[in-house]
Amino acid sequence: MLYFSLGSSTPVELTALEEAFRRFAIHGDTRATGKEMHGKNWSKLCKDCGVIDGKSITLTDVDIVFSKVKKKSARNITYDEFKTALAELARKKYKDKTGEEAEAEVFKLIEGKAPVIAGVTVRMKDTSKFTGSHKERFDPTGRGKGKAGREDIVDTSGYVSGYKHRGTYEKKVNKPTVGKPM
């Protein structure tokens, strides 16, 4: 369970649905607080969690519901508006079930989920494919080296910064002679 403090000294325990809402609300936005969700993240939540099936619920339906539940001048929805939007989508997705059963089914689809990062973002963050000076900023496990990876440390050894075989030339030239002494 995730705990969240609302300014008081006692943390408030979040439900799995609320936790998923917060994860998607802050996805891709460094300034987001997790209390309101943007339309882009609402669409991503519906895609990643399987609410959009392409038959009974499409991306257009999701966008229309978002526009219905948000306030007229607002760009974001709150957690309560989020639940209202899910209830509306649930009635459309599960027409054969009652309102509460349909809501429970949609809530199960979303509970405990997190945004899926795929495509270009995965390739851009795969440090094993980095080349040149960018490769020097990460260790073999993919973790950043921090300041040591960014800072240019002056090397007066005479070798270029990315050269891996430093010191091997002297060993190769100064091989011990085997055989006749001179």
Protein backbone atom coordinates (compact mmCIF):
# COMPACT_ATOMS: atom_id res chain seq x y z
CA MET A 1 0.00 0.00 0.00
CA LEU A 2 1.07 3.54 -0.69
CA TYR A 3 0.75 6.17 2.01
CA PHE A 4 0.12 9.81 1.25
CA SER A 5 0.06 12.78 3.58
CA LEU A 6 -2.44 15.58 3.01
CA GLY A 7 -0.54 18.19 4.99
CA SER A 8 -1.33 16.60 8.35
CA SER A 9 1.09 14.58 10.43
CA THR A 10 -0.85 11.32 9.95
CA PRO A 11 -0.53 9.61 6.55
CA VAL A 12 -3.66 8.54 4.68
CA GLU A 13 -3.74 4.98 3.30
CA LEU A 14 -4.61 4.86 -0.39
CA THR A 15 -6.72 2.24 -2.12
CA ALA A 16 -5.26 0.36 -5.09
CA LEU A 17 -7.47 2.40 -7.44
CA GLU A 18 -6.33 5.69 -5.93
CA GLU A 19 -2.71 4.55 -6.11
CA ALA A 20 -3.10 3.76 -9.82
CA PHE A 21 -4.74 7.18 -10.35
CA ARG A 22 -1.75 8.91 -8.74
CA ARG A 23 0.79 6.90 -10.74
CA PHE A 24 -0.87 7.78 -14.04
CA ALA A 25 -1.50 11.40 -12.95
CA ILE A 26 2.21 12.09 -12.38
CA HIS A 27 3.40 10.11 -15.43
CA GLY A 28 5.40 12.30 -17.81
CA ASP A 29 4.90 15.52 -15.84
CA THR A 30 7.58 16.57 -13.38
CA ARG A 31 5.37 19.26 -11.86
CA ALA A 32 2.31 17.05 -11.30
CA THR A 33 1.17 16.48 -7.71
CA GLY A 34 -0.91 13.38 -8.36
CA LYS A 35 -4.17 15.03 -7.27
CA GLU A 36 -5.38 15.82 -10.81
CA MET A 37 -5.04 13.92 -14.09
CA HIS A 38 -4.56 15.45 -17.54
CA GLY A 39 -6.51 14.17 -20.55
CA LYS A 40 -3.41 12.61 -22.12
CA ASN A 41 -2.75 10.55 -19.00
CA TRP A 42 -6.45 9.60 -18.79
CA SER A 43 -6.24 8.18 -22.31
CA LYS A 44 -3.00 6.37 -21.44
CA LEU A 45 -4.61 4.84 -18.34
CA CYS A 46 -7.53 3.54 -20.39
CA LYS A 47 -5.19 2.07 -23.04
CA ASP A 48 -2.67 0.51 -20.63
CA CYS A 49 -5.29 -1.00 -18.33
CA GLY A 50 -7.43 -2.52 -21.08
CA VAL A 51 -10.51 -0.33 -20.67
CA ILE A 52 -10.31 0.50 -24.39
CA ASP A 53 -11.14 -2.67 -26.30
CA GLY A 54 -11.73 -1.18 -29.75
CA LYS A 55 -15.30 -2.52 -29.93
CA SER A 56 -17.57 -1.19 -27.20
CA ILE A 57 -15.10 1.45 -25.98
CA THR A 58 -12.79 3.40 -28.29
CA LEU A 59 -10.32 6.24 -27.75
CA THR A 60 -13.01 8.68 -28.91
CA ASP A 61 -15.42 7.42 -26.23
CA VAL A 62 -12.72 7.89 -23.59
CA ASP A 63 -12.08 11.49 -24.73
CA ILE A 64 -15.81 12.30 -24.78
CA VAL A 65 -16.28 10.97 -21.24
CA PHE A 66 -13.27 13.01 -20.08
CA SER A 67 -14.82 16.17 -21.54
CA LYS A 68 -18.17 15.40 -19.88
CA VAL A 69 -16.85 14.90 -16.34
CA LYS A 70 -14.31 17.74 -16.16
CA LYS A 71 -15.32 21.26 -15.23
CA LYS A 72 -15.93 23.61 -18.17
CA SER A 73 -12.76 25.68 -17.83
CA ALA A 74 -10.56 22.90 -16.41
CA ARG A 75 -8.00 20.78 -18.24
CA ASN A 76 -7.66 18.14 -15.52
CA ILE A 77 -9.95 15.83 -13.59
CA THR A 78 -9.85 15.12 -9.87
CA TYR A 79 -10.05 11.65 -8.30
CA ASP A 80 -13.84 11.98 -7.76
CA GLU A 81 -14.37 13.02 -11.40
CA PHE A 82 -12.10 10.11 -12.39
CA LYS A 83 -14.40 7.66 -10.57
CA THR A 84 -17.44 9.23 -12.25
CA ALA A 85 -15.79 8.85 -15.66
CA LEU A 86 -14.94 5.21 -14.95
CA ALA A 87 -18.54 4.55 -13.90
CA GLU A 88 -19.77 6.01 -17.19
CA LEU A 89 -17.33 3.91 -19.22
CA ALA A 90 -18.24 0.82 -17.17
CA ARG A 91 -21.93 1.15 -18.08
CA LYS A 92 -20.98 1.32 -21.74
CA LYS A 93 -18.43 -1.52 -21.64
CA TYR A 94 -20.51 -3.98 -19.58
CA LYS A 95 -24.09 -3.42 -20.76
CA ASP A 96 -25.27 -6.81 -19.49
CA LYS A 97 -24.27 -6.08 -15.86
CA THR A 98 -25.76 -3.74 -13.28
CA GLY A 99 -24.11 -0.38 -12.66
CA GLU A 100 -22.25 -1.45 -9.51
CA GLU A 101 -21.06 -4.75 -11.00
CA ALA A 102 -19.84 -2.97 -14.13
CA GLU A 103 -17.96 -0.39 -12.02
CA ALA A 104 -16.34 -3.15 -9.98
CA GLU A 105 -15.16 -4.86 -13.21
CA VAL A 106 -13.57 -1.66 -14.53
CA PHE A 107 -12.01 -0.89 -11.13
CA LYS A 108 -10.42 -4.38 -11.18
CA LEU A 109 -8.88 -3.61 -14.57
CA ILE A 110 -7.19 -0.49 -13.20
CA GLU A 111 -6.31 -1.37 -9.59
CA GLY A 112 -2.58 -1.70 -8.93
CA LYS A 113 -1.53 -0.84 -12.49
CA ALA A 114 1.20 1.60 -13.51
CA PRO A 115 2.01 3.36 -16.79
CA VAL A 116 3.71 1.16 -19.39
CA ILE A 117 6.80 2.66 -21.00
CA ALA A 118 7.34 1.28 -24.50
CA GLY A 119 8.66 2.09 -27.95
CA VAL A 120 10.96 5.07 -28.34
CA THR A 121 11.23 5.72 -24.62
CA VAL A 122 12.56 2.22 -23.96
CA ARG A 123 15.17 2.57 -26.70
CA MET A 124 16.21 6.02 -25.50
CA LYS A 125 16.73 4.75 -21.95
CA ASP A 126 18.61 1.56 -22.89
CA THR A 127 22.15 2.47 -21.82
CA SER A 128 23.66 -0.61 -23.47
CA LYS A 129 23.04 1.01 -26.88
CA PHE A 130 24.76 4.31 -25.99
CA THR A 131 27.94 5.22 -27.86
CA GLY A 132 30.78 7.71 -27.50
CA SER A 133 30.99 9.95 -24.47
CA HIS A 134 27.40 9.14 -23.45
CA LYS A 135 28.42 5.53 -22.82
CA GLU A 136 31.04 6.71 -20.31
CA ARG A 137 28.32 8.19 -18.07
CA PHE A 138 26.84 4.80 -17.11
CA ASP A 139 28.21 1.68 -15.44
CA PRO A 140 27.63 -1.81 -16.98
CA THR A 141 24.35 -2.27 -15.07
CA GLY A 142 22.87 0.90 -16.59
CA ARG A 143 23.02 3.07 -13.48
CA GLY A 144 24.39 6.56 -13.93
CA LYS A 145 27.80 7.35 -12.50
CA GLY A 146 26.56 10.72 -11.30
CA LYS A 147 28.97 13.63 -11.27
CA ALA A 148 31.91 11.37 -12.16
CA GLY A 149 30.17 10.47 -15.42
CA ARG A 150 29.42 14.09 -16.35
CA GLU A 151 32.50 15.92 -15.14
CA ASP A 152 35.55 16.22 -17.36
CA ILE A 153 38.43 15.05 -15.22
CA VAL A 154 41.74 16.19 -16.69
CA ASP A 155 43.85 13.21 -17.69
CA THR A 156 47.51 14.02 -18.35
CA SER A 157 48.53 10.48 -19.32
CA GLY A 158 48.60 11.29 -23.05
CA TYR A 159 45.71 8.99 -23.98
CA VAL A 160 42.35 10.01 -25.43
CA SER A 161 39.51 10.02 -22.86
CA GLY A 162 37.63 6.93 -24.14
CA TYR A 163 40.72 4.76 -24.73
CA LYS A 164 40.38 1.43 -22.91
CA HIS A 165 43.84 -0.16 -23.41
CA ARG A 166 45.96 2.33 -21.53
CA GLY A 167 49.41 1.06 -20.62
CA THR A 168 49.48 -1.85 -23.05
CA TYR A 169 51.93 -0.25 -25.50
CA GLU A 170 54.80 -0.23 -23.01
CA LYS A 171 54.23 -3.89 -22.24
CA LYS A 172 54.23 -4.77 -25.94
CA VAL A 173 57.40 -2.79 -26.81
CA ASN A 174 59.41 -3.74 -23.73
CA LYS A 175 58.95 -7.50 -24.03
CA PRO A 176 61.61 -9.47 -22.18
CA THR A 177 64.03 -11.03 -24.64
CA VAL A 178 64.19 -14.79 -24.52
CA GLY A 179 67.29 -16.55 -25.71
CA LYS A 180 70.73 -15.01 -26.22
CA PRO A 181 71.84 -12.21 -23.96
CA MET A 182 73.45 -9.31 -25.75
